[in-house]
Amino acid sequence: MKLSESVKSISYLKANAANLIDEINKHQKTFVITQNGEAKVVVQDIKMYEKMQDTMAMLKLLAMTNIKSKDAVNIKSTFNSLRKELKSLQ
């Protein structure tokens, strides 16, 4: 993602909200919205946001887990296990 293509002013957002939301949903894009030339908020596709939150939760679980090399398993089964644990916490 090129940051230069994803920065929009709040004026642009106000004038083009429906079109911007369509573009965000269609292409799963993220936009930085500026006010007075300063970055203020991020507007993001909800599916992309949820995926990012799940990823962050899994990374937190990994950080809390003391994995030793002798206990290491393949990455796919590790993440499946983490997903199950994450779902049980929600």
PDB file of N, CA and C in Angstrom:
ATOM      1  N   MET A   1       0.851  -1.166   0.000  1.00  0.00           N
ATOM      2  CA  MET A   1       0.000   0.000   0.000  1.00  0.00           C
ATOM      3  C   MET A   1       0.898   1.230   0.000  1.00  0.00           C
ATOM      4  N   LYS A   2       0.653   2.109  -0.950  1.00  0.00           N
ATOM      5  CA  LYS A   2       1.396   3.359  -1.015  1.00  0.00           C
ATOM      6  C   LYS A   2       0.680   4.392  -0.161  1.00  0.00           C
ATOM      7  N   LEU A   3       1.383   4.910   0.831  1.00  0.00           N
ATOM      8  CA  LEU A   3       0.788   5.887   1.728  1.00  0.00           C
ATOM      9  C   LEU A   3       0.327   7.127   0.967  1.00  0.00           C
ATOM     10  N   SER A   4       1.085   7.530  -0.041  1.00  0.00           N
ATOM     11  CA  SER A   4       0.727   8.732  -0.802  1.00  0.00           C
ATOM     12  C   SER A   4      -0.623   8.594  -1.505  1.00  0.00           C
ATOM     13  N   GLU A   5      -1.032   7.379  -1.787  1.00  0.00           N
ATOM     14  CA  GLU A   5      -2.321   7.151  -2.456  1.00  0.00           C
ATOM     15  C   GLU A   5      -3.457   6.938  -1.460  1.00  0.00           C
ATOM     16  N   SER A   6      -3.135   6.854  -0.184  1.00  0.00           N
ATOM     17  CA  SER A   6      -4.171   6.539   0.793  1.00  0.00           C
ATOM     18  C   SER A   6      -4.377   7.637   1.838  1.00  0.00           C
ATOM     19  N   VAL A   7      -3.867   8.825   1.558  1.00  0.00           N
ATOM     20  CA  VAL A   7      -4.070   9.959   2.462  1.00  0.00           C
ATOM     21  C   VAL A   7      -5.123  10.874   1.844  1.00  0.00           C
ATOM     22  N   LYS A   8      -6.162  11.145   2.604  1.00  0.00           N
ATOM     23  CA  LYS A   8      -7.253  12.010   2.140  1.00  0.00           C
ATOM     24  C   LYS A   8      -7.557  13.027   3.232  1.00  0.00           C
ATOM     25  N   SER A   9      -7.998  14.192   2.805  1.00  0.00           N
ATOM     26  CA  SER A   9      -8.365  15.220   3.780  1.00  0.00           C
ATOM     27  C   SER A   9      -9.768  14.952   4.317  1.00  0.00           C
ATOM     28  N   ILE A  10     -10.073  15.540   5.442  1.00  0.00           N
ATOM     29  CA  ILE A  10     -11.408  15.392   6.010  1.00  0.00           C
ATOM     30  C   ILE A  10     -12.451  16.007   5.080  1.00  0.00           C
ATOM     31  N   SER A  11     -12.059  17.048   4.353  1.00  0.00           N
ATOM     32  CA  SER A  11     -12.973  17.663   3.375  1.00  0.00           C
ATOM     33  C   SER A  11     -13.319  16.665   2.280  1.00  0.00           C
ATOM     34  N   TYR A  12     -12.325  15.921   1.820  1.00  0.00           N
ATOM     35  CA  TYR A  12     -12.562  14.887   0.800  1.00  0.00           C
ATOM     36  C   TYR A  12     -13.495  13.816   1.354  1.00  0.00           C
ATOM     37  N   LEU A  13     -13.248  13.414   2.590  1.00  0.00           N
ATOM     38  CA  LEU A  13     -14.094  12.406   3.225  1.00  0.00           C
ATOM     39  C   LEU A  13     -15.544  12.877   3.295  1.00  0.00           C
ATOM     40  N   LYS A  14     -15.749  14.108   3.719  1.00  0.00           N
ATOM     41  CA  LYS A  14     -17.108  14.653   3.832  1.00  0.00           C
ATOM     42  C   LYS A  14     -17.807  14.686   2.481  1.00  0.00           C
ATOM     43  N   ALA A  15     -17.091  15.094   1.444  1.00  0.00           N
ATOM     44  CA  ALA A  15     -17.690  15.246   0.117  1.00  0.00           C
ATOM     45  C   ALA A  15     -17.864  13.917  -0.614  1.00  0.00           C
ATOM     46  N   ASN A  16     -17.076  12.910  -0.239  1.00  0.00           N
ATOM     47  CA  ASN A  16     -17.063  11.653  -0.999  1.00  0.00           C
ATOM     48  C   ASN A  16     -17.196  10.424  -0.111  1.00  0.00           C
ATOM     49  N   ALA A  17     -17.883  10.534   0.997  1.00  0.00           N
ATOM     50  CA  ALA A  17     -17.943   9.443   1.969  1.00  0.00           C
ATOM     51  C   ALA A  17     -18.432   8.133   1.357  1.00  0.00           C
ATOM     52  N   ALA A  18     -19.536   8.175   0.631  1.00  0.00           N
ATOM     53  CA  ALA A  18     -20.103   6.939   0.061  1.00  0.00           C
ATOM     54  C   ALA A  18     -19.127   6.283  -0.914  1.00  0.00           C
ATOM     55  N   ASN A  19     -18.507   7.081  -1.784  1.00  0.00           N
ATOM     56  CA  ASN A  19     -17.550   6.529  -2.753  1.00  0.00           C
ATOM     57  C   ASN A  19     -16.312   5.978  -2.063  1.00  0.00           C
ATOM     58  N   LEU A  20     -15.837   6.689  -1.050  1.00  0.00           N
ATOM     59  CA  LEU A  20     -14.666   6.238  -0.312  1.00  0.00           C
ATOM     60  C   LEU A  20     -14.948   4.918   0.405  1.00  0.00           C
ATOM     61  N   ILE A  21     -16.105   4.801   1.021  1.00  0.00           N
ATOM     62  CA  ILE A  21     -16.484   3.557   1.699  1.00  0.00           C
ATOM     63  C   ILE A  21     -16.588   2.409   0.700  1.00  0.00           C
ATOM     64  N   ASP A  22     -17.165   2.674  -0.468  1.00  0.00           N
ATOM     65  CA  ASP A  22     -17.234   1.637  -1.509  1.00  0.00           C
ATOM     66  C   ASP A  22     -15.835   1.166  -1.905  1.00  0.00           C
ATOM     67  N   GLU A  23     -14.922   2.116  -2.097  1.00  0.00           N
ATOM     68  CA  GLU A  23     -13.551   1.769  -2.481  1.00  0.00           C
ATOM     69  C   GLU A  23     -12.849   0.984  -1.368  1.00  0.00           C
ATOM     70  N   ILE A  24     -13.056   1.410  -0.136  1.00  0.00           N
ATOM     71  CA  ILE A  24     -12.457   0.718   1.011  1.00  0.00           C
ATOM     72  C   ILE A  24     -12.944  -0.722   1.073  1.00  0.00           C
ATOM     73  N   ASN A  25     -14.250  -0.921   0.943  1.00  0.00           N
ATOM     74  CA  ASN A  25     -14.815  -2.274   1.012  1.00  0.00           C
ATOM     75  C   ASN A  25     -14.437  -3.123  -0.185  1.00  0.00           C
ATOM     76  N   LYS A  26     -14.452  -2.538  -1.361  1.00  0.00           N
ATOM     77  CA  LYS A  26     -14.159  -3.300  -2.579  1.00  0.00           C
ATOM     78  C   LYS A  26     -12.709  -3.773  -2.624  1.00  0.00           C
ATOM     79  N   HIS A  27     -11.788  -2.910  -2.203  1.00  0.00           N
ATOM     80  CA  HIS A  27     -10.361  -3.217  -2.319  1.00  0.00           C
ATOM     81  C   HIS A  27      -9.682  -3.471  -0.979  1.00  0.00           C
ATOM     82  N   GLN A  28     -10.471  -3.528   0.089  1.00  0.00           N
ATOM     83  CA  GLN A  28      -9.943  -3.713   1.450  1.00  0.00           C
ATOM     84  C   GLN A  28      -8.771  -2.765   1.711  1.00  0.00           C
ATOM     85  N   LYS A  29      -9.029  -1.484   1.436  1.00  0.00           N
ATOM     86  CA  LYS A  29      -8.001  -0.459   1.605  1.00  0.00           C
ATOM     87  C   LYS A  29      -8.123   0.211   2.966  1.00  0.00           C
ATOM     88  N   THR A  30      -7.064   0.895   3.318  1.00  0.00           N
ATOM     89  CA  THR A  30      -7.018   1.696   4.526  1.00  0.00           C
ATOM     90  C   THR A  30      -6.658   3.120   4.115  1.00  0.00           C
ATOM     91  N   PHE A  31      -7.371   4.090   4.660  1.00  0.00           N
ATOM     92  CA  PHE A  31      -7.077   5.492   4.363  1.00  0.00           C
ATOM     93  C   PHE A  31      -6.730   6.239   5.639  1.00  0.00           C
ATOM     94  N   VAL A  32      -5.769   7.140   5.516  1.00  0.00           N
ATOM     95  CA  VAL A  32      -5.418   8.056   6.595  1.00  0.00           C
ATOM     96  C   VAL A  32      -6.145   9.358   6.292  1.00  0.00           C
ATOM     97  N   ILE A  33      -6.910   9.851   7.257  1.00  0.00           N
ATOM     98  CA  ILE A  33      -7.663  11.089   7.084  1.00  0.00           C
ATOM     99  C   ILE A  33      -6.937  12.198   7.831  1.00  0.00           C
ATOM    100  N   THR A  34      -6.722  13.308   7.122  1.00  0.00           N
ATOM    101  CA  THR A  34      -6.014  14.431   7.721  1.00  0.00           C
ATOM    102  C   THR A  34      -6.976  15.570   8.049  1.00  0.00           C
ATOM    103  N   GLN A  35      -6.597  16.339   9.036  1.00  0.00           N
ATOM    104  CA  GLN A  35      -7.328  17.550   9.395  1.00  0.00           C
ATOM    105  C   GLN A  35      -6.276  18.633   9.614  1.00  0.00           C
ATOM    106  N   ASN A  36      -6.431  19.732   8.917  1.00  0.00           N
ATOM    107  CA  ASN A  36      -5.436  20.816   8.960  1.00  0.00           C
ATOM    108  C   ASN A  36      -4.035  20.300   8.638  1.00  0.00           C
ATOM    109  N   GLY A  37      -3.949  19.380   7.681  1.00  0.00           N
ATOM    110  CA  GLY A  37      -2.665  18.859   7.231  1.00  0.00           C
ATOM    111  C   GLY A  37      -2.012  17.843   8.141  1.00  0.00           C
ATOM    112  N   GLU A  38      -2.696  17.456   9.208  1.00  0.00           N
ATOM    113  CA  GLU A  38      -2.132  16.503  10.162  1.00  0.00           C
ATOM    114  C   GLU A  38      -2.963  15.217  10.177  1.00  0.00           C
ATOM    115  N   ALA A  39      -2.302  14.074  10.155  1.00  0.00           N
ATOM    116  CA  ALA A  39      -3.002  12.789  10.208  1.00  0.00           C
ATOM    117  C   ALA A  39      -3.761  12.684  11.523  1.00  0.00           C
ATOM    118  N   LYS A  40      -5.063  12.365  11.441  1.00  0.00           N
ATOM    119  CA  LYS A  40      -5.901  12.308  12.638  1.00  0.00           C
ATOM    120  C   LYS A  40      -6.544  10.942  12.869  1.00  0.00           C
ATOM    121  N   VAL A  41      -7.045  10.311  11.804  1.00  0.00           N
ATOM    122  CA  VAL A  41      -7.721   9.022  11.970  1.00  0.00           C
ATOM    123  C   VAL A  41      -7.401   8.103  10.794  1.00  0.00           C
ATOM    124  N   VAL A  42      -7.708   6.827  11.005  1.00  0.00           N
ATOM    125  CA  VAL A  42      -7.573   5.817   9.964  1.00  0.00           C
ATOM    126  C   VAL A  42      -8.953   5.244   9.698  1.00  0.00           C
ATOM    127  N   VAL A  43      -9.301   5.119   8.418  1.00  0.00           N
ATOM    128  CA  VAL A  43     -10.567   4.510   8.010  1.00  0.00           C
ATOM    129  C   VAL A  43     -10.201   3.220   7.292  1.00  0.00           C
ATOM    130  N   GLN A  44     -10.794   2.113   7.763  1.00  0.00           N
ATOM    131  CA  GLN A  44     -10.364   0.801   7.289  1.00  0.00           C
ATOM    132  C   GLN A  44     -11.555  -0.119   7.089  1.00  0.00           C
ATOM    133  N   ASP A  45     -11.431  -1.039   6.144  1.00  0.00           N
ATOM    134  CA  ASP A  45     -12.429  -2.073   5.908  1.00  0.00           C
ATOM    135  C   ASP A  45     -12.589  -2.912   7.175  1.00  0.00           C
ATOM    136  N   ILE A  46     -13.822  -3.200   7.560  1.00  0.00           N
ATOM    137  CA  ILE A  46     -14.091  -3.916   8.810  1.00  0.00           C
ATOM    138  C   ILE A  46     -13.479  -5.319   8.813  1.00  0.00           C
ATOM    139  N   LYS A  47     -13.513  -6.012   7.686  1.00  0.00           N
ATOM    140  CA  LYS A  47     -12.932  -7.361   7.632  1.00  0.00           C
ATOM    141  C   LYS A  47     -11.424  -7.301   7.838  1.00  0.00           C
ATOM    142  N   MET A  48     -10.811  -6.291   7.248  1.00  0.00           N
ATOM    143  CA  MET A  48      -9.374  -6.116   7.406  1.00  0.00           C
ATOM    144  C   MET A  48      -9.040  -5.767   8.861  1.00  0.00           C
ATOM    145  N   TYR A  49      -9.863  -4.944   9.475  1.00  0.00           N
ATOM    146  CA  TYR A  49      -9.672  -4.580  10.884  1.00  0.00           C
ATOM    147  C   TYR A  49      -9.786  -5.811  11.784  1.00  0.00           C
ATOM    148  N   GLU A  50     -10.830  -6.615  11.558  1.00  0.00           N
ATOM    149  CA  GLU A  50     -11.020  -7.824  12.364  1.00  0.00           C
ATOM    150  C   GLU A  50      -9.855  -8.787  12.195  1.00  0.00           C
ATOM    151  N   LYS A  51      -9.376  -8.921  10.964  1.00  0.00           N
ATOM    152  CA  LYS A  51      -8.243  -9.799  10.694  1.00  0.00           C
ATOM    153  C   LYS A  51      -6.997  -9.297  11.430  1.00  0.00           C
ATOM    154  N   MET A  52      -6.807  -7.986  11.431  1.00  0.00           N
ATOM    155  CA  MET A  52      -5.671  -7.400  12.125  1.00  0.00           C
ATOM    156  C   MET A  52      -5.781  -7.627  13.637  1.00  0.00           C
ATOM    157  N   GLN A  53      -6.993  -7.490  14.187  1.00  0.00           N
ATOM    158  CA  GLN A  53      -7.196  -7.722  15.615  1.00  0.00           C
ATOM    159  C   GLN A  53      -6.925  -9.180  15.980  1.00  0.00           C
ATOM    160  N   ASP A  54      -7.389 -10.113  15.133  1.00  0.00           N
ATOM    161  CA  ASP A  54      -7.114 -11.532  15.365  1.00  0.00           C
ATOM    162  C   ASP A  54      -5.614 -11.809  15.330  1.00  0.00           C
ATOM    163  N   THR A  55      -4.941 -11.200  14.364  1.00  0.00           N
ATOM    164  CA  THR A  55      -3.492 -11.377  14.250  1.00  0.00           C
ATOM    165  C   THR A  55      -2.783 -10.862  15.490  1.00  0.00           C
ATOM    166  N   MET A  56      -3.191  -9.695  15.953  1.00  0.00           N
ATOM    167  CA  MET A  56      -2.582  -9.126  17.159  1.00  0.00           C
ATOM    168  C   MET A  56      -2.827 -10.024  18.370  1.00  0.00           C
ATOM    169  N   ALA A  57      -4.029 -10.559  18.472  1.00  0.00           N
ATOM    170  CA  ALA A  57      -4.343 -11.446  19.598  1.00  0.00           C
ATOM    171  C   ALA A  57      -3.477 -12.704  19.542  1.00  0.00           C
ATOM    172  N   MET A  58      -3.300 -13.273  18.344  1.00  0.00           N
ATOM    173  CA  MET A  58      -2.464 -14.470  18.210  1.00  0.00           C
ATOM    174  C   MET A  58      -1.013 -14.155  18.545  1.00  0.00           C
ATOM    175  N   LEU A  59      -0.544 -12.995  18.124  1.00  0.00           N
ATOM    176  CA  LEU A  59       0.834 -12.610  18.450  1.00  0.00           C
ATOM    177  C   LEU A  59       1.015 -12.434  19.958  1.00  0.00           C
ATOM    178  N   LYS A  60      -0.002 -11.894  20.616  1.00  0.00           N
ATOM    179  CA  LYS A  60       0.065 -11.758  22.072  1.00  0.00           C
ATOM    180  C   LYS A  60       0.114 -13.123  22.742  1.00  0.00           C
ATOM    181  N   LEU A  61      -0.714 -14.054  22.237  1.00  0.00           N
ATOM    182  CA  LEU A  61      -0.693 -15.406  22.790  1.00  0.00           C
ATOM    183  C   LEU A  61       0.666 -16.070  22.573  1.00  0.00           C
ATOM    184  N   LEU A  62       1.238 -15.867  21.391  1.00  0.00           N
ATOM    185  CA  LEU A  62       2.560 -16.421  21.110  1.00  0.00           C
ATOM    186  C   LEU A  62       3.606 -15.835  22.055  1.00  0.00           C
ATOM    187  N   ALA A  63       3.511 -14.544  22.293  1.00  0.00           N
ATOM    188  CA  ALA A  63       4.470 -13.889  23.180  1.00  0.00           C
ATOM    189  C   ALA A  63       4.343 -14.397  24.611  1.00  0.00           C
ATOM    190  N   MET A  64       3.125 -14.757  25.009  1.00  0.00           N
ATOM    191  CA  MET A  64       2.908 -15.251  26.367  1.00  0.00           C
ATOM    192  C   MET A  64       3.283 -16.720  26.513  1.00  0.00           C
ATOM    193  N   THR A  65       3.389 -17.410  25.406  1.00  0.00           N
ATOM    194  CA  THR A  65       3.694 -18.839  25.422  1.00  0.00           C
ATOM    195  C   THR A  65       5.198 -19.033  25.357  1.00  0.00           C
ATOM    196  N   ASN A  66       5.692 -19.826  26.244  1.00  0.00           N
ATOM    197  CA  ASN A  66       7.127 -20.098  26.257  1.00  0.00           C
ATOM    198  C   ASN A  66       7.372 -21.339  25.411  1.00  0.00           C
ATOM    199  N   ILE A  67       7.629 -21.111  24.140  1.00  0.00           N
ATOM    200  CA  ILE A  67       7.848 -22.236  23.221  1.00  0.00           C
ATOM    201  C   ILE A  67       9.331 -22.557  23.181  1.00  0.00           C
ATOM    202  N   LYS A  68       9.655 -23.791  23.491  1.00  0.00           N
ATOM    203  CA  LYS A  68      11.033 -24.261  23.443  1.00  0.00           C
ATOM    204  C   LYS A  68      11.211 -25.068  22.166  1.00  0.00           C
ATOM    205  N   SER A  69      12.402 -25.114  21.671  1.00  0.00           N
ATOM    206  CA  SER A  69      12.658 -25.783  20.396  1.00  0.00           C
ATOM    207  C   SER A  69      12.220 -27.246  20.405  1.00  0.00           C
ATOM    208  N   LYS A  70      12.346 -27.944  21.508  1.00  0.00           N
ATOM    209  CA  LYS A  70      11.937 -29.352  21.552  1.00  0.00           C
ATOM    210  C   LYS A  70      10.417 -29.505  21.498  1.00  0.00           C
ATOM    211  N   ASP A  71       9.678 -28.437  21.878  1.00  0.00           N
ATOM    212  CA  ASP A  71       8.219 -28.479  21.845  1.00  0.00           C
ATOM    213  C   ASP A  71       7.644 -27.895  20.561  1.00  0.00           C
ATOM    214  N   ALA A  72       8.502 -27.391  19.689  1.00  0.00           N
ATOM    215  CA  ALA A  72       8.022 -26.719  18.478  1.00  0.00           C
ATOM    216  C   ALA A  72       7.300 -27.706  17.564  1.00  0.00           C
ATOM    217  N   VAL A  73       6.202 -27.225  16.991  1.00  0.00           N
ATOM    218  CA  VAL A  73       5.445 -28.000  16.009  1.00  0.00           C
ATOM    219  C   VAL A  73       5.318 -27.141  14.773  1.00  0.00           C
ATOM    220  N   ASN A  74       4.731 -27.690  13.727  1.00  0.00           N
ATOM    221  CA  ASN A  74       4.643 -26.885  12.516  1.00  0.00           C
ATOM    222  C   ASN A  74       3.729 -25.683  12.725  1.00  0.00           C
ATOM    223  N   ILE A  75       3.972 -24.644  11.973  1.00  0.00           N
ATOM    224  CA  ILE A  75       3.316 -23.353  12.177  1.00  0.00           C
ATOM    225  C   ILE A  75       1.803 -23.432  11.974  1.00  0.00           C
ATOM    226  N   LYS A  76       1.352 -24.266  11.040  1.00  0.00           N
ATOM    227  CA  LYS A  76      -0.085 -24.385  10.773  1.00  0.00           C
ATOM    228  C   LYS A  76      -0.829 -24.915  11.999  1.00  0.00           C
ATOM    229  N   SER A  77      -0.326 -25.962  12.594  1.00  0.00           N
ATOM    230  CA  SER A  77      -1.001 -26.513  13.768  1.00  0.00           C
ATOM    231  C   SER A  77      -0.885 -25.569  14.961  1.00  0.00           C
ATOM    232  N   THR A  78       0.219 -24.839  15.040  1.00  0.00           N
ATOM    233  CA  THR A  78       0.374 -23.854  16.117  1.00  0.00           C
ATOM    234  C   THR A  78      -0.699 -22.789  16.016  1.00  0.00           C
ATOM    235  N   PHE A  79      -0.901 -22.236  14.823  1.00  0.00           N
ATOM    236  CA  PHE A  79      -1.906 -21.193  14.663  1.00  0.00           C
ATOM    237  C   PHE A  79      -3.330 -21.733  14.807  1.00  0.00           C
ATOM    238  N   ASN A  80      -3.575 -22.961  14.370  1.00  0.00           N
ATOM    239  CA  ASN A  80      -4.896 -23.562  14.588  1.00  0.00           C
ATOM    240  C   ASN A  80      -5.186 -23.676  16.081  1.00  0.00           C
ATOM    241  N   SER A  81      -4.199 -24.089  16.813  1.00  0.00           N
ATOM    242  CA  SER A  81      -4.318 -24.191  18.262  1.00  0.00           C
ATOM    243  C   SER A  81      -4.573 -22.823  18.897  1.00  0.00           C
ATOM    244  N   LEU A  82      -3.837 -21.821  18.426  1.00  0.00           N
ATOM    245  CA  LEU A  82      -4.024 -20.468  18.946  1.00  0.00           C
ATOM    246  C   LEU A  82      -5.406 -19.914  18.613  1.00  0.00           C
ATOM    247  N   ARG A  83      -5.900 -20.207  17.420  1.00  0.00           N
ATOM    248  CA  ARG A  83      -7.246 -19.759  17.035  1.00  0.00           C
ATOM    249  C   ARG A  83      -8.299 -20.350  17.963  1.00  0.00           C
ATOM    250  N   LYS A  84      -8.156 -21.640  18.285  1.00  0.00           N
ATOM    251  CA  LYS A  84      -9.090 -22.285  19.207  1.00  0.00           C
ATOM    252  C   LYS A  84      -9.039 -21.630  20.581  1.00  0.00           C
ATOM    253  N   GLU A  85      -7.829 -21.380  21.046  1.00  0.00           N
ATOM    254  CA  GLU A  85      -7.657 -20.733  22.356  1.00  0.00           C
ATOM    255  C   GLU A  85      -8.247 -19.314  22.347  1.00  0.00           C
ATOM    256  N   LEU A  86      -8.022 -18.609  21.259  1.00  0.00           N
ATOM    257  CA  LEU A  86      -8.549 -17.252  21.111  1.00  0.00           C
ATOM    258  C   LEU A  86     -10.076 -17.258  21.137  1.00  0.00           C
ATOM    259  N   LYS A  87     -10.680 -18.196  20.422  1.00  0.00           N
ATOM    260  CA  LYS A  87     -12.143 -18.290  20.401  1.00  0.00           C
ATOM    261  C   LYS A  87     -12.709 -18.603  21.782  1.00  0.00           C
ATOM    262  N   SER A  88     -11.991 -19.397  22.544  1.00  0.00           N
ATOM    263  CA  SER A  88     -12.468 -19.736  23.886  1.00  0.00           C
ATOM    264  C   SER A  88     -12.396 -18.530  24.836  1.00  0.00           C
ATOM    265  N   LEU A  89     -11.527 -17.576  24.524  1.00  0.00           N
ATOM    266  CA  LEU A  89     -11.389 -16.376  25.344  1.00  0.00           C
ATOM    267  C   LEU A  89     -12.429 -15.318  25.017  1.00  0.00           C
ATOM    268  N   GLN A  90     -13.037 -15.412  23.854  1.00  0.00           N
ATOM    269  CA  GLN A  90     -13.985 -14.377  23.417  1.00  0.00           C
ATOM    270  C   GLN A  90     -15.365 -14.613  23.939  1.00  0.00           C
TER     271      GLN A  90
END
